[in-house]
Amino acid sequence: MSAPPFQSARIVLAVVDLASSTDFYLNVLGFQRDFGDGSDGWSFLSRGAVRFMLGECRDERPASELGNHSYIAHILMDDVDAYFAEIVARGAVPYGPPQDKPWGIREFGLATPDGHRMTFGSLLA
């Protein structure tokens, strides 16, 4: 018997300042708010099939103090170069421009204001 297929997933992240983090996802990374206004300590955000739940945890260590444990997502898309240009124009500061990697993905990385690190990429043809 095979297991039922997965339908979707949300990445759940603890953030120190919900308003600031939500603003970054909305106005820099281009996500939309799916639910709520943050008054309950949560922001549910999405862009296409990628979904995040940001939960405010003011007294926790920020991801920026977790070293390599702060990597949280590798997000694939159709045109990583266009996305790179889009978010840089809105103030994002990636680690560098997209590069072709030996594992067959053109990608770049960045950190959120809390220090969560993500990689965005497109499959090479």
Foldseek 3Di string as FASTA:
>chain_A
DDDDDDDADEFEEEAQDVVQLVCCCCQQQPWDFDDDDCPVQWTWIGDPRYIYIYGYDNPDQFLQPVPPVLAGEEAEDADQQVSVVRNVVRPFDWPDHFDQDPVQWTWTWGAGPSGRIYIYTYGHD
